[in-house]
N, C-alpha and C. Protein backbone atom coordinates (compact mmCIF):
# COMPACT_ATOMS: atom_id res chain seq x y z
N UNK A 1 144.70 134.78 186.99
CA UNK A 1 143.46 134.02 187.08
C UNK A 1 142.60 134.27 185.84
N UNK A 2 142.47 135.52 185.45
CA UNK A 2 141.64 135.86 184.30
C UNK A 2 142.24 135.29 183.01
N UNK A 3 143.54 135.31 182.89
CA UNK A 3 144.21 134.76 181.71
C UNK A 3 143.95 133.26 181.59
N UNK A 4 143.94 132.56 182.74
CA UNK A 4 143.68 131.12 182.73
C UNK A 4 142.27 130.84 182.21
N UNK A 5 141.29 131.63 182.63
CA UNK A 5 139.91 131.45 182.15
C UNK A 5 139.81 131.70 180.65
N UNK A 6 140.53 132.70 180.16
CA UNK A 6 140.51 132.98 178.73
C UNK A 6 141.13 131.83 177.93
N UNK A 7 142.20 131.26 178.46
CA UNK A 7 142.85 130.12 177.79
C UNK A 7 141.90 128.92 177.77
N UNK A 8 141.24 128.65 178.88
CA UNK A 8 140.30 127.52 178.95
C UNK A 8 139.15 127.74 177.98
N UNK A 9 138.60 128.95 177.92
CA UNK A 9 137.51 129.22 176.98
C UNK A 9 137.96 129.08 175.53
N UNK A 10 139.18 129.53 175.24
CA UNK A 10 139.70 129.39 173.88
C UNK A 10 139.88 127.93 173.50
N UNK A 11 140.38 127.12 174.43
CA UNK A 11 140.58 125.70 174.16
C UNK A 11 139.23 125.01 173.96
N UNK A 12 138.26 125.31 174.80
CA UNK A 12 136.92 124.71 174.64
C UNK A 12 136.27 125.16 173.35
N UNK A 13 136.49 126.40 172.95
CA UNK A 13 135.96 126.88 171.67
C UNK A 13 136.56 126.14 170.50
N UNK A 14 137.86 125.91 170.55
CA UNK A 14 138.52 125.14 169.48
C UNK A 14 138.07 123.69 169.49
N UNK A 15 137.81 123.14 170.69
CA UNK A 15 137.39 121.75 170.78
C UNK A 15 135.99 121.55 170.23
N UNK A 16 135.22 122.62 170.13
CA UNK A 16 133.84 122.49 169.63
C UNK A 16 133.75 122.63 168.13
N UNK A 17 134.83 122.97 167.45
CA UNK A 17 134.75 123.15 166.00
C UNK A 17 134.71 121.80 165.29
N UNK A 18 134.27 121.80 164.04
CA UNK A 18 134.08 120.57 163.29
C UNK A 18 135.40 119.85 163.04
N UNK A 19 136.44 120.56 162.73
CA UNK A 19 137.74 119.95 162.48
C UNK A 19 138.76 120.63 163.38
N UNK A 20 138.98 120.07 164.56
CA UNK A 20 139.86 120.74 165.51
C UNK A 20 141.31 120.71 165.04
N UNK A 21 142.12 121.64 165.53
CA UNK A 21 143.53 121.65 165.14
C UNK A 21 144.24 120.38 165.61
N UNK A 22 145.38 120.12 165.01
CA UNK A 22 146.13 118.89 165.31
C UNK A 22 146.50 118.80 166.79
N UNK A 23 146.86 119.93 167.42
CA UNK A 23 147.26 119.89 168.82
C UNK A 23 146.10 119.49 169.73
N UNK A 24 144.85 119.76 169.32
CA UNK A 24 143.69 119.30 170.09
C UNK A 24 143.53 117.80 169.89
N UNK A 25 143.70 117.33 168.64
CA UNK A 25 143.57 115.89 168.38
C UNK A 25 144.66 115.08 169.08
N UNK A 26 145.84 115.66 169.28
CA UNK A 26 146.96 114.94 169.90
C UNK A 26 146.91 114.95 171.42
N UNK A 27 146.14 115.83 172.01
CA UNK A 27 146.07 115.93 173.47
C UNK A 27 144.91 115.08 173.98
N UNK A 28 145.18 114.03 174.76
CA UNK A 28 144.11 113.12 175.18
C UNK A 28 142.96 113.80 175.92
N UNK A 29 143.27 114.74 176.81
CA UNK A 29 142.20 115.41 177.56
C UNK A 29 141.31 116.23 176.63
N UNK A 30 141.93 116.97 175.73
CA UNK A 30 141.15 117.78 174.79
C UNK A 30 140.37 116.90 173.82
N UNK A 31 140.96 115.78 173.43
CA UNK A 31 140.26 114.86 172.53
C UNK A 31 139.01 114.31 173.20
N UNK A 32 139.06 114.06 174.53
CA UNK A 32 137.88 113.57 175.25
C UNK A 32 136.80 114.66 175.33
N UNK A 33 137.23 115.92 175.42
CA UNK A 33 136.26 117.02 175.50
C UNK A 33 135.63 117.34 174.15
N UNK A 34 136.28 116.92 173.08
CA UNK A 34 135.80 117.27 171.74
C UNK A 34 134.50 116.52 171.42
N UNK A 35 133.45 117.26 171.22
CA UNK A 35 132.16 116.71 170.81
C UNK A 35 131.56 117.65 169.78
N UNK A 36 131.65 117.30 168.49
CA UNK A 36 131.06 118.19 167.49
C UNK A 36 129.55 118.27 167.66
N UNK A 37 128.97 119.38 167.22
CA UNK A 37 127.53 119.60 167.34
C UNK A 37 126.74 118.54 166.60
N UNK A 38 127.18 118.22 165.39
CA UNK A 38 126.38 117.32 164.56
C UNK A 38 127.20 116.27 163.86
N UNK A 39 126.46 115.43 163.16
CA UNK A 39 127.04 114.37 162.35
C UNK A 39 126.55 114.53 160.92
N UNK A 40 127.36 114.15 159.94
CA UNK A 40 126.91 114.30 158.55
C UNK A 40 126.00 113.15 158.12
N UNK A 41 124.97 113.49 157.35
CA UNK A 41 124.15 112.47 156.70
C UNK A 41 124.52 112.51 155.22
N UNK A 42 125.11 111.42 154.72
CA UNK A 42 125.63 111.38 153.36
C UNK A 42 125.10 110.20 152.56
N UNK A 43 124.03 109.56 153.02
CA UNK A 43 123.57 108.32 152.43
C UNK A 43 122.67 108.48 151.21
N UNK A 44 122.27 109.68 150.86
CA UNK A 44 121.39 109.90 149.71
C UNK A 44 122.16 110.66 148.64
N UNK A 45 122.11 110.21 147.38
CA UNK A 45 122.86 110.92 146.33
C UNK A 45 122.28 112.28 145.97
N UNK A 46 121.04 112.57 146.34
CA UNK A 46 120.39 113.84 145.98
C UNK A 46 120.59 114.95 147.03
N UNK A 47 120.87 114.58 148.28
CA UNK A 47 121.04 115.61 149.32
C UNK A 47 121.93 115.09 150.44
N UNK A 48 122.49 116.04 151.17
CA UNK A 48 123.25 115.73 152.38
C UNK A 48 123.07 116.90 153.34
N UNK A 49 123.31 116.66 154.62
CA UNK A 49 123.17 117.70 155.63
C UNK A 49 123.83 117.23 156.90
N UNK A 50 123.93 118.12 157.86
CA UNK A 50 124.48 117.79 159.17
C UNK A 50 123.33 117.82 160.18
N UNK A 51 123.14 116.73 160.90
CA UNK A 51 122.06 116.67 161.89
C UNK A 51 122.65 116.66 163.30
N UNK A 52 121.83 117.08 164.25
CA UNK A 52 122.29 117.18 165.63
C UNK A 52 122.58 115.79 166.19
N UNK A 53 123.66 115.70 166.90
CA UNK A 53 124.17 114.43 167.41
C UNK A 53 123.13 113.63 168.21
N UNK A 54 122.29 114.27 169.00
CA UNK A 54 121.35 113.52 169.85
C UNK A 54 120.00 113.24 169.17
N UNK A 55 119.82 113.65 167.92
CA UNK A 55 118.58 113.33 167.21
C UNK A 55 118.65 111.88 166.73
N UNK A 56 117.51 111.21 166.75
CA UNK A 56 117.43 109.79 166.37
C UNK A 56 117.18 109.67 164.88
N UNK A 57 117.84 108.73 164.25
CA UNK A 57 117.63 108.50 162.83
C UNK A 57 118.89 107.93 162.23
N UNK A 58 118.90 107.74 160.98
CA UNK A 58 117.88 108.06 159.99
C UNK A 58 116.78 106.99 159.93
N UNK A 59 115.56 107.45 159.70
CA UNK A 59 114.42 106.58 159.48
C UNK A 59 113.97 106.77 158.04
N UNK A 60 113.56 105.71 157.37
CA UNK A 60 113.06 105.90 156.00
C UNK A 60 111.75 106.69 156.02
N UNK A 61 111.62 107.59 155.08
CA UNK A 61 110.40 108.38 154.92
C UNK A 61 110.08 108.40 153.43
N UNK A 62 108.87 108.75 153.09
CA UNK A 62 108.46 108.77 151.69
C UNK A 62 109.37 109.72 150.90
N UNK A 63 110.16 109.17 150.00
CA UNK A 63 111.04 109.96 149.17
C UNK A 63 112.33 110.42 149.81
N UNK A 64 112.58 110.03 151.07
CA UNK A 64 113.79 110.52 151.71
C UNK A 64 114.06 109.92 153.06
N UNK A 65 114.39 110.78 154.01
CA UNK A 65 114.85 110.35 155.32
C UNK A 65 114.28 111.27 156.41
N UNK A 66 114.11 110.72 157.62
CA UNK A 66 113.55 111.49 158.74
C UNK A 66 114.43 111.32 159.97
N UNK A 67 114.56 112.40 160.75
CA UNK A 67 115.25 112.39 162.03
C UNK A 67 114.31 112.93 163.08
N UNK A 68 114.39 112.37 164.31
CA UNK A 68 113.52 112.78 165.42
C UNK A 68 114.32 113.40 166.55
N UNK A 69 113.74 114.41 167.16
CA UNK A 69 114.35 115.05 168.32
C UNK A 69 114.23 114.13 169.52
N UNK A 70 115.08 114.29 170.53
CA UNK A 70 114.94 113.47 171.74
C UNK A 70 113.54 113.63 172.33
N UNK A 71 112.93 112.53 172.68
CA UNK A 71 111.57 112.56 173.20
C UNK A 71 110.52 112.46 172.11
N UNK A 72 110.90 112.60 170.87
CA UNK A 72 109.97 112.44 169.76
C UNK A 72 108.97 113.57 169.57
N UNK A 73 109.21 114.74 170.19
CA UNK A 73 108.26 115.84 170.07
C UNK A 73 108.43 116.67 168.81
N UNK A 74 109.52 116.42 168.08
CA UNK A 74 109.75 117.14 166.82
C UNK A 74 110.47 116.20 165.86
N UNK A 75 110.28 116.45 164.56
CA UNK A 75 110.98 115.65 163.55
C UNK A 75 111.22 116.47 162.30
N UNK A 76 112.26 116.07 161.58
CA UNK A 76 112.63 116.75 160.35
C UNK A 76 112.75 115.71 159.25
N UNK A 77 112.16 116.01 158.08
CA UNK A 77 112.19 115.10 156.95
C UNK A 77 112.74 115.84 155.74
N UNK A 78 113.68 115.22 155.05
CA UNK A 78 114.19 115.74 153.79
C UNK A 78 113.83 114.70 152.73
N UNK A 79 113.12 115.13 151.68
CA UNK A 79 112.66 114.22 150.64
C UNK A 79 112.93 114.80 149.27
N UNK A 80 113.03 113.89 148.30
CA UNK A 80 113.14 114.28 146.90
C UNK A 80 112.15 113.43 146.13
N UNK A 81 111.23 114.09 145.43
CA UNK A 81 110.21 113.39 144.66
C UNK A 81 110.46 113.60 143.17
N UNK A 82 110.68 112.50 142.45
CA UNK A 82 110.81 112.56 141.00
C UNK A 82 109.45 112.83 140.38
N UNK A 83 109.44 113.37 139.19
CA UNK A 83 108.20 113.64 138.48
C UNK A 83 107.39 112.35 138.34
N UNK A 84 106.12 112.41 138.77
CA UNK A 84 105.22 111.28 138.68
C UNK A 84 105.22 110.36 139.89
N UNK A 85 106.16 110.51 140.82
CA UNK A 85 106.22 109.66 142.02
C UNK A 85 105.17 110.11 143.03
N UNK A 86 104.75 109.22 143.95
CA UNK A 86 103.81 109.64 144.99
C UNK A 86 104.40 110.80 145.80
N UNK A 87 103.61 111.82 146.06
CA UNK A 87 104.06 113.00 146.79
C UNK A 87 104.51 114.13 145.88
N UNK A 88 104.62 113.87 144.58
CA UNK A 88 105.07 114.89 143.63
C UNK A 88 103.89 115.71 143.14
N UNK A 89 104.09 117.00 142.99
CA UNK A 89 103.10 117.91 142.41
C UNK A 89 103.78 118.71 141.32
N UNK A 90 103.00 119.24 140.41
CA UNK A 90 103.53 120.15 139.40
C UNK A 90 104.17 121.34 140.11
N UNK A 91 105.19 121.91 139.52
CA UNK A 91 105.90 123.04 140.14
C UNK A 91 104.96 124.21 140.45
N UNK A 92 104.04 124.47 139.56
CA UNK A 92 103.11 125.58 139.77
C UNK A 92 102.06 125.28 140.83
N UNK A 93 101.85 124.00 141.17
CA UNK A 93 100.82 123.61 142.14
C UNK A 93 101.30 123.74 143.59
N UNK A 94 102.61 123.80 143.82
CA UNK A 94 103.11 123.85 145.19
C UNK A 94 102.71 125.14 145.91
N UNK A 95 102.83 126.28 145.25
CA UNK A 95 102.50 127.56 145.90
C UNK A 95 101.08 127.61 146.42
N UNK A 96 100.07 127.35 145.56
CA UNK A 96 98.69 127.35 146.06
C UNK A 96 98.45 126.30 147.14
N UNK A 97 99.06 125.13 147.00
CA UNK A 97 98.87 124.08 148.01
C UNK A 97 99.43 124.54 149.35
N UNK A 98 100.61 125.19 149.33
CA UNK A 98 101.22 125.65 150.57
C UNK A 98 100.39 126.75 151.23
N UNK A 99 99.77 127.62 150.43
CA UNK A 99 98.92 128.69 150.97
C UNK A 99 97.66 128.14 151.62
N UNK A 100 97.17 126.99 151.17
CA UNK A 100 95.93 126.41 151.69
C UNK A 100 96.12 125.66 153.00
N UNK A 101 97.34 125.36 153.37
CA UNK A 101 97.59 124.56 154.57
C UNK A 101 97.35 125.39 155.83
N UNK A 102 97.03 124.71 156.90
CA UNK A 102 96.90 125.36 158.20
C UNK A 102 95.48 125.68 158.58
N UNK A 103 95.36 126.49 159.61
CA UNK A 103 94.07 126.88 160.17
C UNK A 103 93.77 128.32 159.81
N UNK A 104 92.60 128.79 160.22
CA UNK A 104 92.21 130.17 159.93
C UNK A 104 93.09 131.18 160.67
N UNK A 105 93.75 130.75 161.73
CA UNK A 105 94.63 131.65 162.48
C UNK A 105 96.01 131.82 161.87
N UNK A 106 96.34 131.03 160.86
CA UNK A 106 97.65 131.13 160.22
C UNK A 106 97.67 132.26 159.20
N UNK A 107 98.88 132.70 158.83
CA UNK A 107 99.03 133.83 157.90
C UNK A 107 98.80 133.44 156.44
N UNK A 108 99.06 132.19 156.07
CA UNK A 108 98.88 131.70 154.70
C UNK A 108 99.72 132.48 153.69
N UNK A 109 100.91 132.90 154.12
CA UNK A 109 101.83 133.59 153.23
C UNK A 109 102.99 132.67 152.90
N UNK A 110 103.33 132.60 151.65
CA UNK A 110 104.49 131.82 151.22
C UNK A 110 105.62 132.80 150.96
N UNK A 111 106.71 132.63 151.71
CA UNK A 111 107.87 133.50 151.52
C UNK A 111 109.03 132.69 150.94
N UNK A 112 110.21 133.26 150.92
CA UNK A 112 111.36 132.61 150.32
C UNK A 112 112.49 132.49 151.34
N UNK A 113 113.12 131.32 151.38
CA UNK A 113 114.32 131.09 152.18
C UNK A 113 115.40 130.54 151.26
N UNK A 114 116.64 130.63 151.69
CA UNK A 114 117.74 130.11 150.89
C UNK A 114 118.10 128.71 151.37
N UNK A 115 118.08 127.76 150.46
CA UNK A 115 118.48 126.39 150.74
C UNK A 115 119.53 126.00 149.70
N UNK A 116 120.69 125.64 150.15
CA UNK A 116 121.78 125.23 149.26
C UNK A 116 122.04 126.29 148.19
N UNK A 117 122.05 127.55 148.60
CA UNK A 117 122.32 128.71 147.75
C UNK A 117 121.25 128.97 146.68
N UNK A 118 120.06 128.44 146.86
CA UNK A 118 118.97 128.67 145.91
C UNK A 118 117.71 129.07 146.67
N UNK A 119 116.84 129.87 146.05
CA UNK A 119 115.61 130.27 146.74
C UNK A 119 114.59 129.14 146.77
N UNK A 120 113.99 128.93 147.93
CA UNK A 120 112.97 127.91 148.12
C UNK A 120 111.70 128.54 148.67
N UNK A 121 110.55 128.04 148.27
CA UNK A 121 109.27 128.49 148.84
C UNK A 121 109.19 127.97 150.26
N UNK A 122 108.65 128.80 151.16
CA UNK A 122 108.67 128.49 152.59
C UNK A 122 107.37 128.92 153.24
N UNK A 123 106.84 128.08 154.12
CA UNK A 123 105.62 128.40 154.85
C UNK A 123 105.66 127.74 156.22
N UNK A 124 105.01 128.38 157.20
CA UNK A 124 104.82 127.80 158.54
C UNK A 124 103.32 127.80 158.81
N UNK A 125 102.79 126.66 159.26
CA UNK A 125 101.35 126.57 159.50
C UNK A 125 101.05 125.62 160.65
N UNK A 126 99.80 125.61 161.09
CA UNK A 126 99.33 124.82 162.22
C UNK A 126 98.48 123.67 161.71
N UNK A 127 98.60 122.53 162.39
CA UNK A 127 97.80 121.36 162.04
C UNK A 127 97.20 120.77 163.31
N UNK A 128 95.91 120.41 163.24
CA UNK A 128 95.25 119.74 164.36
C UNK A 128 95.02 118.29 163.97
N UNK A 129 95.39 117.38 164.87
CA UNK A 129 95.16 115.96 164.63
C UNK A 129 94.22 115.45 165.72
N UNK A 130 93.10 114.90 165.30
CA UNK A 130 92.09 114.42 166.23
C UNK A 130 92.20 112.91 166.40
N UNK A 131 92.08 112.45 167.65
CA UNK A 131 92.13 111.02 167.93
C UNK A 131 90.82 110.38 167.48
N UNK A 132 90.87 109.37 166.60
CA UNK A 132 89.63 108.79 166.07
C UNK A 132 88.85 107.98 167.09
N UNK A 133 89.43 107.64 168.24
CA UNK A 133 88.72 106.86 169.25
C UNK A 133 87.84 107.72 170.15
N UNK A 134 87.91 109.03 169.99
CA UNK A 134 87.12 109.95 170.81
C UNK A 134 86.18 110.74 169.92
N UNK A 135 85.21 111.39 170.53
CA UNK A 135 84.32 112.27 169.78
C UNK A 135 85.15 113.38 169.15
N UNK A 136 84.72 113.86 168.00
CA UNK A 136 85.46 114.89 167.28
C UNK A 136 85.68 116.11 168.17
N UNK A 137 86.91 116.47 168.36
CA UNK A 137 87.26 117.63 169.18
C UNK A 137 87.51 117.29 170.64
N UNK A 138 87.17 116.08 171.09
CA UNK A 138 87.36 115.73 172.49
C UNK A 138 88.84 115.56 172.84
N UNK A 139 89.63 115.03 171.90
CA UNK A 139 91.06 114.84 172.16
C UNK A 139 91.81 115.12 170.86
N UNK A 140 92.73 116.09 170.93
CA UNK A 140 93.50 116.44 169.74
C UNK A 140 94.91 116.85 170.13
N UNK A 141 95.78 116.85 169.13
CA UNK A 141 97.12 117.38 169.34
C UNK A 141 97.35 118.48 168.30
N UNK A 142 98.03 119.53 168.71
CA UNK A 142 98.28 120.66 167.83
C UNK A 142 99.76 120.67 167.47
N UNK A 143 100.03 120.69 166.17
CA UNK A 143 101.40 120.70 165.67
C UNK A 143 101.64 121.94 164.83
N UNK A 144 102.89 122.38 164.80
CA UNK A 144 103.32 123.45 163.89
C UNK A 144 104.22 122.80 162.86
N UNK A 145 104.09 123.22 161.62
CA UNK A 145 104.86 122.65 160.53
C UNK A 145 105.54 123.76 159.76
N UNK A 146 106.82 123.55 159.46
CA UNK A 146 107.58 124.48 158.64
C UNK A 146 108.02 123.70 157.40
N UNK A 147 107.74 124.24 156.24
CA UNK A 147 107.95 123.53 154.99
C UNK A 147 108.74 124.39 154.02
N UNK A 148 109.77 123.80 153.42
CA UNK A 148 110.54 124.46 152.36
C UNK A 148 110.50 123.56 151.13
N UNK A 149 110.14 124.13 149.98
CA UNK A 149 109.98 123.36 148.74
C UNK A 149 110.85 124.00 147.67
N UNK A 150 111.63 123.16 146.98
CA UNK A 150 112.56 123.65 145.98
C UNK A 150 112.56 122.70 144.77
N UNK A 151 111.94 123.12 143.65
CA UNK A 151 111.91 122.25 142.47
C UNK A 151 113.21 122.33 141.66
N UNK A 152 113.50 121.25 140.94
CA UNK A 152 114.58 121.25 139.95
C UNK A 152 114.02 120.64 138.67
N UNK A 153 114.87 120.35 137.71
CA UNK A 153 114.41 119.89 136.39
C UNK A 153 113.68 118.55 136.44
N UNK A 154 114.07 117.63 137.33
CA UNK A 154 113.50 116.29 137.34
C UNK A 154 112.48 116.06 138.44
N UNK A 155 112.43 116.90 139.43
CA UNK A 155 111.54 116.66 140.56
C UNK A 155 111.49 117.84 141.50
N UNK A 156 111.30 117.53 142.79
CA UNK A 156 111.18 118.59 143.79
C UNK A 156 111.77 118.11 145.12
N UNK A 157 112.51 119.02 145.81
CA UNK A 157 113.01 118.77 147.15
C UNK A 157 112.00 119.33 148.14
N UNK A 158 111.68 118.56 149.17
CA UNK A 158 110.76 119.01 150.22
C UNK A 158 111.45 118.80 151.56
N UNK A 159 111.60 119.88 152.31
CA UNK A 159 112.21 119.83 153.64
C UNK A 159 111.15 120.24 154.63
N UNK A 160 110.82 119.34 155.56
CA UNK A 160 109.68 119.54 156.47
C UNK A 160 110.16 119.39 157.91
N UNK A 161 109.80 120.38 158.73
CA UNK A 161 110.04 120.32 160.16
C UNK A 161 108.69 120.39 160.84
N UNK A 162 108.42 119.46 161.72
CA UNK A 162 107.16 119.51 162.45
C UNK A 162 107.39 119.18 163.91
N UNK A 163 106.63 119.84 164.75
CA UNK A 163 106.75 119.61 166.18
C UNK A 163 105.46 119.98 166.89
N UNK A 164 105.26 119.41 168.08
CA UNK A 164 104.11 119.81 168.87
C UNK A 164 104.19 121.31 169.11
N UNK A 165 103.07 121.97 169.11
CA UNK A 165 103.05 123.43 169.21
C UNK A 165 103.85 123.93 170.41
N UNK A 166 103.80 123.21 171.54
CA UNK A 166 104.51 123.63 172.74
C UNK A 166 106.03 123.50 172.58
N UNK A 167 106.49 122.58 171.75
CA UNK A 167 107.93 122.33 171.59
C UNK A 167 108.49 122.85 170.27
N UNK A 168 107.68 123.48 169.45
CA UNK A 168 108.11 123.90 168.12
C UNK A 168 109.29 124.87 168.20
N UNK A 169 109.18 125.90 169.01
CA UNK A 169 110.24 126.90 169.12
C UNK A 169 111.50 126.32 169.75
N UNK A 170 111.35 125.36 170.64
CA UNK A 170 112.49 124.76 171.34
C UNK A 170 113.44 124.08 170.35
N UNK A 171 112.91 123.37 169.36
CA UNK A 171 113.74 122.63 168.41
C UNK A 171 113.95 123.38 167.10
N UNK A 172 113.31 124.52 166.91
CA UNK A 172 113.41 125.23 165.64
C UNK A 172 114.83 125.73 165.37
N UNK A 173 115.55 126.15 166.40
CA UNK A 173 116.94 126.60 166.20
C UNK A 173 117.78 125.46 165.61
N UNK A 174 117.56 124.25 166.11
CA UNK A 174 118.27 123.09 165.57
C UNK A 174 117.89 122.88 164.12
N UNK A 175 116.59 122.98 163.81
CA UNK A 175 116.15 122.80 162.43
C UNK A 175 116.78 123.85 161.51
N UNK A 176 116.82 125.09 161.94
CA UNK A 176 117.41 126.14 161.10
C UNK A 176 118.90 125.89 160.86
N UNK A 177 119.58 125.36 161.85
CA UNK A 177 120.99 125.02 161.66
C UNK A 177 121.15 123.85 160.68
N UNK A 178 120.26 122.86 160.79
CA UNK A 178 120.27 121.74 159.85
C UNK A 178 119.96 122.26 158.45
N UNK A 179 118.95 123.11 158.34
CA UNK A 179 118.56 123.67 157.04
C UNK A 179 119.71 124.43 156.39
N UNK A 180 120.48 125.15 157.20
CA UNK A 180 121.63 125.90 156.67
C UNK A 180 122.73 124.96 156.16
N UNK A 181 122.77 123.74 156.67
CA UNK A 181 123.80 122.79 156.26
C UNK A 181 123.39 121.91 155.08
N UNK A 182 122.15 122.01 154.65
CA UNK A 182 121.66 121.15 153.56
C UNK A 182 122.39 121.48 152.26
N UNK A 183 122.85 120.43 151.59
CA UNK A 183 123.45 120.55 150.26
C UNK A 183 122.63 119.67 149.32
N UNK A 184 122.12 120.27 148.26
CA UNK A 184 121.26 119.55 147.33
C UNK A 184 121.96 119.36 146.00
N UNK A 185 121.73 118.22 145.37
CA UNK A 185 122.30 117.92 144.05
C UNK A 185 121.26 118.30 143.01
N UNK A 186 121.43 119.44 142.39
CA UNK A 186 120.48 119.94 141.43
C UNK A 186 120.77 119.39 140.03
N UNK A 187 119.71 119.20 139.29
CA UNK A 187 119.85 118.89 137.87
C UNK A 187 119.54 120.18 137.14
N UNK A 188 120.56 120.77 136.55
CA UNK A 188 120.39 122.02 135.83
C UNK A 188 119.84 121.74 134.44
N UNK A 189 119.06 122.67 133.91
CA UNK A 189 118.56 122.47 132.54
C UNK A 189 119.71 122.46 131.55
N UNK A 190 119.54 121.76 130.43
CA UNK A 190 120.61 121.73 129.44
C UNK A 190 120.83 123.12 128.85
N UNK A 191 122.07 123.44 128.46
CA UNK A 191 122.33 124.77 127.91
C UNK A 191 121.59 124.99 126.60
N UNK A 192 121.16 126.21 126.39
CA UNK A 192 120.44 126.57 125.15
C UNK A 192 121.47 126.82 124.07
N UNK A 193 121.27 126.17 122.93
CA UNK A 193 122.23 126.34 121.82
C UNK A 193 121.73 127.34 120.82
């Protein structure tokens, strides 16, 4: 009995991998059980990543693409801004701008995360959005935003995850998995002669 359970768990584990073995692909029952975690997004020449299968998208966003979590309580945007385009800032201006975001309760610390094998500036902060049809403060929504910024020679990559404060942690694991799968096309500086 125990051996049967181990075999079933091993088969289900293999069926969950991105590229299952040939014997899984040839077996109709196992092929029906096979559901990869995510799907690849390959439509932009500057970046690609794997997004969760049940997230909605791609939607056009300024400089890139956006995906939404089921229910619309969280979204992730990957953008690339060329020098001089709307949304672009000087490389030295991103750090101070990132420190200024959020509320007084936020840490305002910019740390470093690895994106596509390169260090990126990273910050998490809170944002309050007030409904303009009500008195100021009468109706608002609180969001948490996680931002990773990575400049290259021609522009800057901006990866943004935002969600309602109550749902931020729920979808953050998915965002971190997407972030780990991001592949960026960098323009390296010309070699010094």
